[in-house]
């Protein structure tokens, strides 16, 4: 269990946001939110650990800074080399699956 705590303690999205502010020569989080094209509360929630830095935001950070995704992840302390996907991801929803048609009563199936 100590390993999970240490990785959680090293996760620091504030460091990433602060580096972006400096690199892009921005005055504050509001300017950063405009640059990244996200609502200002998104940056605040990330700073207060109420919202993770999602893949789409990471990609946007890459686009505006030219920094690699790996470097951006390193700045926030995300050192994972692999990601686990849930079993449900990529699986069609029940309503999207083809439904087998049953023969109606009185009609012979050939």
N, C-alpha and C. Protein backbone atom coordinates (compact mmCIF):
# COMPACT_ATOMS: atom_id res chain seq x y z
N UNK A 1 0.82 -1.19 0.00
CA UNK A 1 0.00 0.00 0.00
C UNK A 1 0.87 1.26 0.00
N UNK A 2 2.09 1.16 0.52
CA UNK A 2 2.97 2.32 0.56
C UNK A 2 3.28 2.82 -0.84
N UNK A 3 3.35 1.91 -1.82
CA UNK A 3 3.64 2.31 -3.20
C UNK A 3 2.55 3.22 -3.74
N UNK A 4 1.28 2.89 -3.46
CA UNK A 4 0.17 3.70 -3.96
C UNK A 4 0.22 5.10 -3.35
N UNK A 5 0.61 5.20 -2.09
CA UNK A 5 0.69 6.50 -1.45
C UNK A 5 1.81 7.34 -2.05
N UNK A 6 2.95 6.71 -2.30
CA UNK A 6 4.07 7.48 -2.82
C UNK A 6 3.77 8.01 -4.22
N UNK A 7 3.09 7.21 -5.05
CA UNK A 7 2.77 7.71 -6.39
C UNK A 7 1.73 8.81 -6.32
N UNK A 8 0.83 8.72 -5.35
CA UNK A 8 -0.19 9.77 -5.19
C UNK A 8 0.46 11.06 -4.69
N UNK A 9 1.44 10.94 -3.81
CA UNK A 9 2.12 12.11 -3.28
C UNK A 9 2.95 12.80 -4.36
N UNK A 10 3.50 12.05 -5.30
CA UNK A 10 4.34 12.65 -6.32
C UNK A 10 3.51 13.29 -7.43
N UNK A 11 2.23 12.95 -7.53
CA UNK A 11 1.36 13.54 -8.54
C UNK A 11 1.09 14.99 -8.15
N UNK A 12 1.52 15.92 -9.00
CA UNK A 12 1.36 17.33 -8.69
C UNK A 12 1.05 18.12 -9.97
N UNK A 13 -0.23 18.21 -10.31
CA UNK A 13 -0.58 18.94 -11.54
C UNK A 13 -0.25 20.43 -11.45
N UNK A 14 -0.11 20.97 -10.22
CA UNK A 14 0.23 22.39 -10.07
C UNK A 14 1.59 22.71 -10.69
N UNK A 15 2.53 21.78 -10.55
CA UNK A 15 3.85 21.98 -11.14
C UNK A 15 3.72 22.12 -12.65
N UNK A 16 2.94 21.25 -13.26
CA UNK A 16 2.72 21.31 -14.71
C UNK A 16 2.10 22.65 -15.09
N UNK A 17 1.05 23.07 -14.38
CA UNK A 17 0.38 24.33 -14.71
C UNK A 17 1.33 25.52 -14.53
N UNK A 18 2.13 25.49 -13.47
CA UNK A 18 3.08 26.58 -13.23
C UNK A 18 4.14 26.67 -14.33
N UNK A 19 4.63 25.50 -14.78
CA UNK A 19 5.62 25.48 -15.86
C UNK A 19 5.00 26.05 -17.14
N UNK A 20 3.74 25.67 -17.41
CA UNK A 20 3.07 26.19 -18.61
C UNK A 20 2.90 27.71 -18.54
N UNK A 21 2.53 28.20 -17.36
CA UNK A 21 2.40 29.65 -17.18
C UNK A 21 3.71 30.36 -17.53
N UNK A 22 4.83 29.83 -17.02
CA UNK A 22 6.14 30.42 -17.28
C UNK A 22 6.55 30.29 -18.73
N UNK A 23 6.40 29.09 -19.28
CA UNK A 23 6.83 28.84 -20.66
C UNK A 23 6.06 29.71 -21.65
N UNK A 24 4.77 29.89 -21.41
CA UNK A 24 3.94 30.65 -22.34
C UNK A 24 3.86 32.14 -21.95
N UNK A 25 4.60 32.51 -20.88
CA UNK A 25 4.66 33.89 -20.39
C UNK A 25 3.26 34.46 -20.11
N UNK A 26 2.49 33.68 -19.35
CA UNK A 26 1.13 34.08 -18.98
C UNK A 26 1.12 34.59 -17.56
N UNK A 27 0.18 35.50 -17.29
CA UNK A 27 0.12 36.12 -15.96
C UNK A 27 -0.60 35.28 -14.92
N UNK A 28 -1.60 34.51 -15.36
CA UNK A 28 -2.42 33.79 -14.38
C UNK A 28 -3.17 32.62 -15.01
N UNK A 29 -3.91 31.90 -14.16
CA UNK A 29 -4.65 30.72 -14.63
C UNK A 29 -5.75 31.09 -15.62
N UNK A 30 -6.32 32.29 -15.50
CA UNK A 30 -7.36 32.71 -16.45
C UNK A 30 -6.78 32.81 -17.85
N UNK A 31 -5.57 33.36 -17.96
CA UNK A 31 -4.90 33.45 -19.26
C UNK A 31 -4.58 32.05 -19.80
N UNK A 32 -4.18 31.16 -18.90
CA UNK A 32 -3.89 29.78 -19.30
C UNK A 32 -5.15 29.09 -19.80
N UNK A 33 -6.26 29.31 -19.12
CA UNK A 33 -7.52 28.67 -19.55
C UNK A 33 -7.92 29.18 -20.93
N UNK A 34 -7.69 30.46 -21.21
CA UNK A 34 -8.00 30.99 -22.55
C UNK A 34 -7.11 30.35 -23.60
N UNK A 35 -5.82 30.23 -23.29
CA UNK A 35 -4.88 29.62 -24.23
C UNK A 35 -5.26 28.17 -24.53
N UNK A 36 -5.65 27.44 -23.48
CA UNK A 36 -5.99 26.02 -23.64
C UNK A 36 -7.43 25.82 -24.11
N UNK A 37 -8.18 26.92 -24.17
CA UNK A 37 -9.58 26.89 -24.60
C UNK A 37 -10.44 26.00 -23.70
N UNK A 38 -10.25 26.19 -22.39
CA UNK A 38 -11.10 25.51 -21.39
C UNK A 38 -11.67 26.58 -20.46
N UNK A 39 -12.75 26.26 -19.78
CA UNK A 39 -13.34 27.19 -18.83
C UNK A 39 -12.41 27.37 -17.64
N UNK A 40 -12.32 28.59 -17.08
CA UNK A 40 -11.43 28.83 -15.94
C UNK A 40 -11.62 27.85 -14.77
N UNK A 41 -12.86 27.42 -14.46
CA UNK A 41 -13.00 26.46 -13.35
C UNK A 41 -12.27 25.14 -13.58
N UNK A 42 -12.03 24.78 -14.83
CA UNK A 42 -11.31 23.53 -15.12
C UNK A 42 -9.89 23.61 -14.54
N UNK A 43 -9.22 24.72 -14.75
CA UNK A 43 -7.86 24.89 -14.22
C UNK A 43 -7.89 24.88 -12.69
N UNK A 44 -8.87 25.56 -12.11
CA UNK A 44 -9.01 25.59 -10.65
C UNK A 44 -9.23 24.19 -10.09
N UNK A 45 -10.09 23.42 -10.73
CA UNK A 45 -10.38 22.06 -10.25
C UNK A 45 -9.14 21.17 -10.36
N UNK A 46 -8.36 21.37 -11.41
CA UNK A 46 -7.12 20.60 -11.55
C UNK A 46 -6.15 20.98 -10.44
N UNK A 47 -6.02 22.27 -10.16
CA UNK A 47 -5.11 22.74 -9.10
C UNK A 47 -5.49 22.20 -7.73
N UNK A 48 -6.79 22.02 -7.49
CA UNK A 48 -7.27 21.55 -6.19
C UNK A 48 -7.50 20.03 -6.17
N UNK A 49 -6.96 19.34 -7.17
CA UNK A 49 -7.03 17.87 -7.25
C UNK A 49 -8.47 17.36 -7.28
N UNK A 50 -9.38 18.16 -7.82
CA UNK A 50 -10.77 17.71 -7.96
C UNK A 50 -11.06 17.22 -9.36
N UNK A 51 -10.10 17.43 -10.27
CA UNK A 51 -10.27 17.01 -11.66
C UNK A 51 -8.89 16.60 -12.17
N UNK A 52 -8.79 15.41 -12.77
CA UNK A 52 -7.49 15.01 -13.31
C UNK A 52 -7.22 15.72 -14.63
N UNK A 53 -5.97 15.76 -15.03
CA UNK A 53 -5.61 16.28 -16.35
C UNK A 53 -5.95 15.18 -17.34
N UNK A 54 -7.01 15.39 -18.09
CA UNK A 54 -7.47 14.37 -19.03
C UNK A 54 -6.65 14.34 -20.31
N UNK A 55 -6.87 13.30 -21.09
CA UNK A 55 -6.12 13.10 -22.33
C UNK A 55 -6.32 14.26 -23.30
N UNK A 56 -7.55 14.74 -23.46
CA UNK A 56 -7.79 15.81 -24.42
C UNK A 56 -7.09 17.10 -24.00
N UNK A 57 -7.05 17.38 -22.69
CA UNK A 57 -6.36 18.57 -22.21
C UNK A 57 -4.85 18.42 -22.38
N UNK A 58 -4.35 17.23 -22.13
CA UNK A 58 -2.93 16.96 -22.32
C UNK A 58 -2.53 17.17 -23.79
N UNK A 59 -3.37 16.72 -24.68
CA UNK A 59 -3.11 16.90 -26.11
C UNK A 59 -3.13 18.38 -26.46
N UNK A 60 -4.09 19.12 -25.89
CA UNK A 60 -4.16 20.56 -26.14
C UNK A 60 -2.90 21.26 -25.62
N UNK A 61 -2.44 20.85 -24.44
CA UNK A 61 -1.20 21.42 -23.89
C UNK A 61 -0.03 21.16 -24.84
N UNK A 62 0.00 19.97 -25.38
CA UNK A 62 1.05 19.60 -26.35
C UNK A 62 0.97 20.50 -27.58
N UNK A 63 -0.25 20.72 -28.09
CA UNK A 63 -0.43 21.53 -29.29
C UNK A 63 0.03 22.97 -29.10
N UNK A 64 -0.30 23.57 -27.95
CA UNK A 64 0.04 24.99 -27.76
C UNK A 64 1.48 25.22 -27.32
N UNK A 65 2.10 24.22 -26.68
CA UNK A 65 3.46 24.41 -26.18
C UNK A 65 4.52 23.76 -27.06
N UNK A 66 4.14 22.75 -27.81
CA UNK A 66 5.11 21.99 -28.59
C UNK A 66 5.88 20.98 -27.75
N UNK A 67 5.54 20.89 -26.44
CA UNK A 67 6.20 19.92 -25.56
C UNK A 67 5.61 18.53 -25.81
N UNK A 68 6.44 17.52 -25.60
CA UNK A 68 5.94 16.15 -25.81
C UNK A 68 4.97 15.77 -24.69
N UNK A 69 4.08 14.85 -25.00
CA UNK A 69 3.14 14.34 -24.01
C UNK A 69 3.92 13.74 -22.83
N UNK A 70 4.98 13.02 -23.15
CA UNK A 70 5.80 12.41 -22.09
C UNK A 70 6.36 13.48 -21.15
N UNK A 71 6.87 14.58 -21.71
CA UNK A 71 7.41 15.66 -20.87
C UNK A 71 6.31 16.30 -20.03
N UNK A 72 5.14 16.51 -20.62
CA UNK A 72 4.03 17.10 -19.87
C UNK A 72 3.62 16.19 -18.71
N UNK A 73 3.56 14.90 -18.98
CA UNK A 73 3.18 13.95 -17.93
C UNK A 73 4.25 13.91 -16.84
N UNK A 74 5.52 13.96 -17.24
CA UNK A 74 6.61 13.98 -16.25
C UNK A 74 6.51 15.20 -15.34
N UNK A 75 6.14 16.35 -15.90
CA UNK A 75 6.04 17.58 -15.11
C UNK A 75 4.98 17.47 -14.01
N UNK A 76 3.95 16.69 -14.24
CA UNK A 76 2.93 16.56 -13.19
C UNK A 76 3.13 15.31 -12.33
N UNK A 77 4.26 14.61 -12.57
CA UNK A 77 4.56 13.47 -11.73
C UNK A 77 3.91 12.18 -12.16
N UNK A 78 3.38 12.15 -13.38
CA UNK A 78 2.75 10.93 -13.90
C UNK A 78 3.83 10.11 -14.58
N UNK A 79 4.32 9.09 -13.89
CA UNK A 79 5.43 8.30 -14.40
C UNK A 79 4.99 6.94 -14.97
N UNK A 80 3.67 6.75 -15.10
CA UNK A 80 3.21 5.46 -15.61
C UNK A 80 3.67 5.27 -17.05
N UNK A 81 4.03 4.03 -17.36
CA UNK A 81 4.44 3.73 -18.73
C UNK A 81 3.32 3.05 -19.50
N UNK A 82 2.37 2.48 -18.78
CA UNK A 82 1.24 1.80 -19.41
C UNK A 82 -0.04 2.25 -18.74
N UNK A 83 -1.10 2.21 -19.50
CA UNK A 83 -2.41 2.55 -18.96
C UNK A 83 -3.31 1.35 -19.08
N UNK A 84 -4.16 1.18 -18.10
CA UNK A 84 -5.12 0.09 -18.15
C UNK A 84 -6.45 0.63 -18.65
N UNK A 85 -7.02 -0.09 -19.57
CA UNK A 85 -8.34 0.27 -20.05
C UNK A 85 -9.35 -0.68 -19.41
N UNK A 86 -10.51 -0.15 -19.10
CA UNK A 86 -11.52 -1.02 -18.50
C UNK A 86 -12.02 -1.99 -19.55
N UNK A 87 -12.56 -3.11 -19.10
CA UNK A 87 -13.10 -4.11 -20.02
C UNK A 87 -14.23 -3.54 -20.86
N UNK A 88 -14.95 -2.58 -20.32
CA UNK A 88 -16.12 -2.03 -21.00
C UNK A 88 -15.74 -1.09 -22.14
N UNK A 89 -14.54 -0.52 -22.11
CA UNK A 89 -14.17 0.42 -23.15
C UNK A 89 -14.02 -0.28 -24.48
N UNK A 90 -14.60 0.32 -25.50
CA UNK A 90 -14.51 -0.25 -26.84
C UNK A 90 -15.54 -1.32 -27.12
N UNK A 91 -16.26 -1.73 -26.12
CA UNK A 91 -17.28 -2.74 -26.29
C UNK A 91 -18.58 -2.04 -26.68
N UNK A 92 -19.33 -2.57 -27.66
CA UNK A 92 -20.58 -1.89 -28.04
C UNK A 92 -21.60 -1.90 -26.90
N UNK A 93 -22.38 -0.84 -26.84
CA UNK A 93 -23.44 -0.77 -25.84
C UNK A 93 -24.51 -1.79 -26.20
N UNK A 94 -25.26 -2.28 -25.20
CA UNK A 94 -26.28 -3.30 -25.50
C UNK A 94 -27.22 -2.89 -26.63
N UNK A 95 -27.60 -1.60 -26.68
CA UNK A 95 -28.53 -1.18 -27.73
C UNK A 95 -27.87 -1.12 -29.10
N UNK A 96 -26.53 -1.13 -29.15
CA UNK A 96 -25.81 -1.10 -30.42
C UNK A 96 -25.56 -2.49 -30.99
N UNK A 97 -25.70 -3.50 -30.16
CA UNK A 97 -25.43 -4.86 -30.61
C UNK A 97 -26.56 -5.35 -31.52
N UNK A 98 -26.21 -6.14 -32.54
CA UNK A 98 -27.26 -6.68 -33.40
C UNK A 98 -28.16 -7.63 -32.60
N UNK A 99 -29.44 -7.53 -32.85
CA UNK A 99 -30.40 -8.36 -32.15
C UNK A 99 -30.82 -9.51 -33.06
N UNK A 100 -30.80 -10.74 -32.51
CA UNK A 100 -31.24 -11.88 -33.29
C UNK A 100 -32.75 -11.83 -33.41
N UNK A 101 -33.21 -12.00 -34.64
CA UNK A 101 -34.65 -11.99 -34.85
C UNK A 101 -35.18 -13.41 -34.62
N UNK A 102 -36.23 -13.47 -33.83
CA UNK A 102 -36.86 -14.76 -33.57
C UNK A 102 -38.00 -14.93 -34.56
N UNK A 103 -38.22 -16.16 -34.96
CA UNK A 103 -39.33 -16.43 -35.88
C UNK A 103 -40.63 -16.12 -35.17
N UNK A 104 -41.52 -15.45 -35.91
CA UNK A 104 -42.82 -15.12 -35.33
C UNK A 104 -43.67 -16.38 -35.29
N UNK A 105 -44.56 -16.48 -34.30
CA UNK A 105 -45.43 -17.65 -34.22
C UNK A 105 -46.26 -17.77 -35.50
N UNK A 106 -46.40 -18.97 -36.01
CA UNK A 106 -47.21 -19.20 -37.18
C UNK A 106 -46.43 -19.07 -38.47
N UNK A 107 -45.19 -18.59 -38.40
CA UNK A 107 -44.37 -18.45 -39.61
C UNK A 107 -43.21 -19.43 -39.48
N UNK A 108 -43.08 -20.27 -40.44
CA UNK A 108 -42.01 -21.26 -40.39
C UNK A 108 -40.70 -20.62 -40.82
N UNK A 109 -39.66 -20.87 -40.03
CA UNK A 109 -38.33 -20.36 -40.36
C UNK A 109 -37.67 -21.36 -41.30
N UNK A 110 -37.08 -20.89 -42.38
CA UNK A 110 -36.41 -21.78 -43.34
C UNK A 110 -34.94 -21.71 -43.17
